[in-house]
Amino acid sequence: MLDDEIKDWTVTLLRKDASRAMDNRVDADGIFLHSLMITVTIALLSMTLLWHETLSPQTSQ
């Protein structure tokens, strides 16, 4: 009887740990993807500005 209760309690704790680990993994993936999107956006903006500067006519005074 006591062994069954200990097994049930242990299984419950392991399930909670597993679900918590999955939640943390999803959060880490979300943070990584968010930072990747920011990096790609900044790179594209920089490339666009550089491309615009090289194609615009030079106005020298």
N, C-alpha and C. Protein backbone atom coordinates (compact mmCIF):
# COMPACT_ATOMS: atom_id res chain seq x y z
N MET A 1 0.84 -1.20 0.00
CA MET A 1 0.00 0.00 0.00
C MET A 1 0.88 1.26 0.00
N LEU A 2 1.83 1.30 0.90
CA LEU A 2 2.71 2.45 0.97
C LEU A 2 3.60 2.52 -0.27
N ASP A 3 4.03 1.36 -0.75
CA ASP A 3 4.85 1.34 -1.97
C ASP A 3 4.09 1.90 -3.17
N ASP A 4 2.80 1.55 -3.27
CA ASP A 4 1.99 2.07 -4.37
C ASP A 4 1.84 3.59 -4.30
N GLU A 5 1.66 4.09 -3.08
CA GLU A 5 1.53 5.54 -2.91
C GLU A 5 2.84 6.25 -3.28
N ILE A 6 3.96 5.66 -2.89
CA ILE A 6 5.26 6.25 -3.23
C ILE A 6 5.47 6.22 -4.73
N LYS A 7 5.08 5.11 -5.39
CA LYS A 7 5.22 5.02 -6.84
C LYS A 7 4.35 6.06 -7.53
N ASP A 8 3.10 6.18 -7.08
CA ASP A 8 2.20 7.18 -7.67
C ASP A 8 2.74 8.60 -7.48
N TRP A 9 3.26 8.89 -6.30
CA TRP A 9 3.81 10.21 -6.01
C TRP A 9 5.04 10.48 -6.88
N THR A 10 5.88 9.46 -7.03
CA THR A 10 7.08 9.60 -7.86
C THR A 10 6.71 9.84 -9.32
N VAL A 11 5.75 9.07 -9.82
CA VAL A 11 5.31 9.24 -11.21
C VAL A 11 4.71 10.63 -11.41
N THR A 12 3.95 11.10 -10.45
CA THR A 12 3.36 12.43 -10.55
C THR A 12 4.45 13.50 -10.60
N LEU A 13 5.46 13.38 -9.75
CA LEU A 13 6.55 14.35 -9.75
C LEU A 13 7.33 14.32 -11.06
N LEU A 14 7.57 13.12 -11.58
CA LEU A 14 8.30 13.00 -12.84
C LEU A 14 7.51 13.62 -13.99
N ARG A 15 6.20 13.42 -13.99
CA ARG A 15 5.37 14.02 -15.04
C ARG A 15 5.39 15.54 -14.95
N LYS A 16 5.33 16.07 -13.72
CA LYS A 16 5.38 17.52 -13.55
C LYS A 16 6.72 18.06 -14.03
N ASP A 17 7.81 17.37 -13.70
CA ASP A 17 9.13 17.80 -14.16
C ASP A 17 9.23 17.76 -15.67
N ALA A 18 8.67 16.71 -16.27
CA ALA A 18 8.73 16.59 -17.74
C ALA A 18 7.93 17.71 -18.41
N SER A 19 6.76 18.02 -17.88
CA SER A 19 5.96 19.09 -18.50
C SER A 19 6.63 20.44 -18.29
N ARG A 20 7.26 20.63 -17.12
CA ARG A 20 7.97 21.89 -16.88
C ARG A 20 9.17 22.01 -17.81
N ALA A 21 9.85 20.91 -18.05
CA ALA A 21 11.00 20.94 -18.96
C ALA A 21 10.54 21.25 -20.38
N MET A 22 9.40 20.72 -20.79
CA MET A 22 8.88 21.02 -22.13
C MET A 22 8.51 22.50 -22.23
N ASP A 23 7.91 23.05 -21.18
CA ASP A 23 7.56 24.48 -21.20
C ASP A 23 8.82 25.33 -21.31
N ASN A 24 9.86 24.97 -20.58
CA ASN A 24 11.11 25.73 -20.65
C ASN A 24 11.74 25.61 -22.03
N ARG A 25 11.66 24.45 -22.65
CA ARG A 25 12.24 24.27 -23.98
C ARG A 25 11.50 25.13 -24.99
N VAL A 26 10.18 25.18 -24.89
CA VAL A 26 9.40 26.01 -25.80
C VAL A 26 9.75 27.48 -25.61
N ASP A 27 9.91 27.90 -24.36
CA ASP A 27 10.29 29.28 -24.10
C ASP A 27 11.66 29.59 -24.70
N ALA A 28 12.60 28.67 -24.54
CA ALA A 28 13.95 28.89 -25.09
C ALA A 28 13.90 28.97 -26.61
N ASP A 29 13.11 28.10 -27.24
CA ASP A 29 12.96 28.15 -28.70
C ASP A 29 12.35 29.47 -29.13
N GLY A 30 11.36 29.94 -28.41
CA GLY A 30 10.72 31.21 -28.74
C GLY A 30 11.69 32.38 -28.64
N ILE A 31 12.49 32.38 -27.58
CA ILE A 31 13.48 33.45 -27.40
C ILE A 31 14.50 33.40 -28.53
N PHE A 32 14.96 32.21 -28.88
CA PHE A 32 15.94 32.07 -29.95
C PHE A 32 15.36 32.56 -31.28
N LEU A 33 14.14 32.15 -31.60
CA LEU A 33 13.54 32.57 -32.87
C LEU A 33 13.29 34.07 -32.90
N HIS A 34 12.89 34.63 -31.77
CA HIS A 34 12.65 36.07 -31.70
C HIS A 34 13.95 36.84 -31.93
N SER A 35 15.03 36.41 -31.27
CA SER A 35 16.30 37.10 -31.47
C SER A 35 16.82 36.90 -32.89
N LEU A 36 16.57 35.73 -33.47
CA LEU A 36 16.98 35.49 -34.86
C LEU A 36 16.23 36.41 -35.82
N MET A 37 14.93 36.58 -35.59
CA MET A 37 14.14 37.47 -36.45
C MET A 37 14.63 38.91 -36.33
N ILE A 38 14.97 39.35 -35.12
CA ILE A 38 15.48 40.70 -34.93
C ILE A 38 16.80 40.87 -35.67
N THR A 39 17.69 39.89 -35.56
CA THR A 39 18.98 39.95 -36.23
C THR A 39 18.82 40.01 -37.75
N VAL A 40 17.95 39.17 -38.28
CA VAL A 40 17.72 39.16 -39.73
C VAL A 40 17.11 40.48 -40.19
N THR A 41 16.21 41.03 -39.42
CA THR A 41 15.59 42.31 -39.77
C THR A 41 16.63 43.43 -39.80
N ILE A 42 17.49 43.47 -38.80
CA ILE A 42 18.54 44.50 -38.76
C ILE A 42 19.49 44.32 -39.94
N ALA A 43 19.85 43.08 -40.25
CA ALA A 43 20.75 42.83 -41.38
C ALA A 43 20.10 43.28 -42.69
N LEU A 44 18.83 42.96 -42.88
CA LEU A 44 18.15 43.38 -44.12
C LEU A 44 18.03 44.89 -44.23
N LEU A 45 17.75 45.56 -43.12
CA LEU A 45 17.68 47.02 -43.14
C LEU A 45 19.04 47.63 -43.47
N SER A 46 20.08 47.07 -42.88
CA SER A 46 21.43 47.58 -43.17
C SER A 46 21.79 47.37 -44.63
N MET A 47 21.49 46.21 -45.16
CA MET A 47 21.78 45.94 -46.58
C MET A 47 20.98 46.85 -47.49
N THR A 48 19.73 47.11 -47.14
CA THR A 48 18.90 47.99 -47.95
C THR A 48 19.45 49.41 -47.94
N LEU A 49 19.85 49.89 -46.78
CA LEU A 49 20.42 51.24 -46.71
C LEU A 49 21.72 51.33 -47.49
N LEU A 50 22.56 50.31 -47.37
CA LEU A 50 23.82 50.31 -48.11
C LEU A 50 23.57 50.27 -49.61
N TRP A 51 22.62 49.44 -50.05
CA TRP A 51 22.28 49.34 -51.47
C TRP A 51 21.74 50.66 -51.98
N HIS A 52 20.90 51.31 -51.16
CA HIS A 52 20.31 52.60 -51.57
C HIS A 52 21.41 53.66 -51.71
N GLU A 53 22.37 53.65 -50.79
CA GLU A 53 23.46 54.64 -50.85
C GLU A 53 24.33 54.42 -52.09
N THR A 54 24.57 53.16 -52.45
CA THR A 54 25.45 52.91 -53.60
C THR A 54 24.75 53.22 -54.91
N LEU A 55 23.41 53.12 -54.97
CA LEU A 55 22.70 53.38 -56.22
C LEU A 55 22.24 54.83 -56.36
N SER A 56 22.18 55.56 -55.27
CA SER A 56 21.70 56.94 -55.37
C SER A 56 22.78 57.81 -56.03
N PRO A 57 22.35 58.77 -56.83
CA PRO A 57 23.35 59.62 -57.50
C PRO A 57 24.11 60.46 -56.48
N GLN A 58 25.39 60.57 -56.70
CA GLN A 58 26.23 61.32 -55.78
C GLN A 58 26.08 62.82 -56.09
N THR A 59 25.70 63.57 -55.08
CA THR A 59 25.57 65.02 -55.26
C THR A 59 26.74 65.68 -54.55
N SER A 60 27.69 66.09 -55.31
CA SER A 60 28.85 66.77 -54.73
C SER A 60 28.72 68.26 -54.99
N GLN A 61 29.09 69.05 -54.01
CA GLN A 61 28.96 70.51 -54.16
C GLN A 61 30.31 71.15 -54.26
